[in-house]
């Protein structure tokens, strides 16, 4: 996997952290992802639903507090905002 220079700069700090601190960082990262999604993702936005092995294109039909309804392949799915990327 390719890491940007910014991410590589953080790697040294992450390696020095305890498991508890790493879990806190993981939680903060998810909060930032949700915050960014709320800023840019609106009803009608084309988005990618990002899973471990694939990205699926969809259209947002409703934005809720922590989730969004996304239409993919003619079906509606309730997707956490942290799993969405703008297309």
Protein backbone atom coordinates (compact mmCIF):
# COMPACT_ATOMS: atom_id res chain seq x y z
CA UNK A 1 0.00 0.00 0.00
CA UNK A 2 1.23 3.50 -0.84
CA UNK A 3 1.36 6.09 1.97
CA UNK A 4 1.69 9.83 1.41
CA UNK A 5 4.50 11.85 2.95
CA UNK A 6 2.08 13.25 5.58
CA UNK A 7 1.07 9.75 6.63
CA UNK A 8 4.66 8.54 6.72
CA UNK A 9 5.46 11.48 9.04
CA UNK A 10 2.82 10.19 11.47
CA UNK A 11 4.03 6.60 11.37
CA UNK A 12 6.89 7.21 13.82
CA UNK A 13 4.50 8.74 16.35
CA UNK A 14 1.95 5.93 15.90
CA UNK A 15 4.59 3.26 16.50
CA UNK A 16 5.33 4.76 19.93
CA UNK A 17 1.67 4.70 21.07
CA UNK A 18 0.02 2.12 23.30
CA UNK A 19 -2.95 0.06 22.14
CA UNK A 20 -5.31 2.31 24.11
CA UNK A 21 -3.89 5.43 22.48
CA UNK A 22 -4.14 3.83 19.03
CA UNK A 23 -7.81 3.03 19.71
CA UNK A 24 -8.38 6.68 20.62
CA UNK A 25 -6.72 7.77 17.36
CA UNK A 26 -8.90 5.31 15.44
CA UNK A 27 -12.02 6.84 17.03
CA UNK A 28 -10.86 10.35 16.19
CA UNK A 29 -10.22 9.35 12.57
CA UNK A 30 -13.78 8.01 12.26
CA UNK A 31 -15.17 11.23 13.76
CA UNK A 32 -13.23 13.29 11.20
CA UNK A 33 -14.46 11.07 8.35
CA UNK A 34 -18.07 11.54 9.48
CA UNK A 35 -17.58 15.30 9.85
CA UNK A 36 -16.11 15.54 6.34
CA UNK A 37 -18.92 13.43 4.92
CA UNK A 38 -21.55 15.68 6.51
CA UNK A 39 -19.93 18.75 4.94
CA UNK A 40 -19.78 17.44 1.38
CA UNK A 41 -22.46 14.78 1.05
CA UNK A 42 -25.99 16.01 0.37
CA UNK A 43 -29.16 14.44 -1.04
CA UNK A 44 -28.53 13.68 -4.71
CA UNK A 45 -24.74 13.45 -4.31
CA UNK A 46 -22.96 10.65 -6.13
CA UNK A 47 -20.83 8.72 -3.65
CA UNK A 48 -18.68 5.65 -3.36
CA UNK A 49 -19.49 3.21 -0.57
CA UNK A 50 -16.03 2.06 0.49
CA UNK A 51 -15.67 -1.48 1.80
CA UNK A 52 -12.50 -3.44 2.49
CA UNK A 53 -12.23 -4.91 -0.99
CA UNK A 54 -14.42 -2.72 -3.20
CA UNK A 55 -15.96 0.69 -3.89
CA UNK A 56 -19.55 0.81 -5.12
CA UNK A 57 -21.09 3.87 -6.75
CA UNK A 58 -24.43 5.10 -5.42
CA UNK A 59 -26.64 8.16 -4.96
CA UNK A 60 -27.57 9.62 -1.57
CA UNK A 61 -31.33 9.79 -1.05
CA UNK A 62 -31.36 10.90 2.61
CA UNK A 63 -28.74 12.06 5.12
CA UNK A 64 -29.29 11.20 8.78
CA UNK A 65 -27.20 11.91 11.89
CA UNK A 66 -24.69 9.07 11.49
CA UNK A 67 -25.93 7.26 8.38
CA UNK A 68 -27.17 7.98 4.89
CA UNK A 69 -29.64 6.15 2.69
CA UNK A 70 -27.79 5.32 -0.52
CA UNK A 71 -29.37 3.90 -3.67
CA UNK A 72 -27.08 1.30 -5.24
CA UNK A 73 -28.09 -1.21 -7.90
CA UNK A 74 -31.77 -0.17 -7.58
CA UNK A 75 -31.83 -0.91 -3.82
CA UNK A 76 -31.65 1.38 -0.78
CA UNK A 77 -28.96 0.77 1.83
CA UNK A 78 -28.42 2.39 5.22
CA UNK A 79 -24.69 3.24 5.16
CA UNK A 80 -22.54 4.79 7.91
CA UNK A 81 -21.21 8.20 6.83
CA UNK A 82 -17.66 7.06 7.61
CA UNK A 83 -17.93 4.58 4.72
CA UNK A 84 -18.82 7.23 2.10
CA UNK A 85 -16.54 9.12 -0.29
CA UNK A 86 -17.63 11.75 -2.76
CA UNK A 87 -17.53 10.41 -6.32
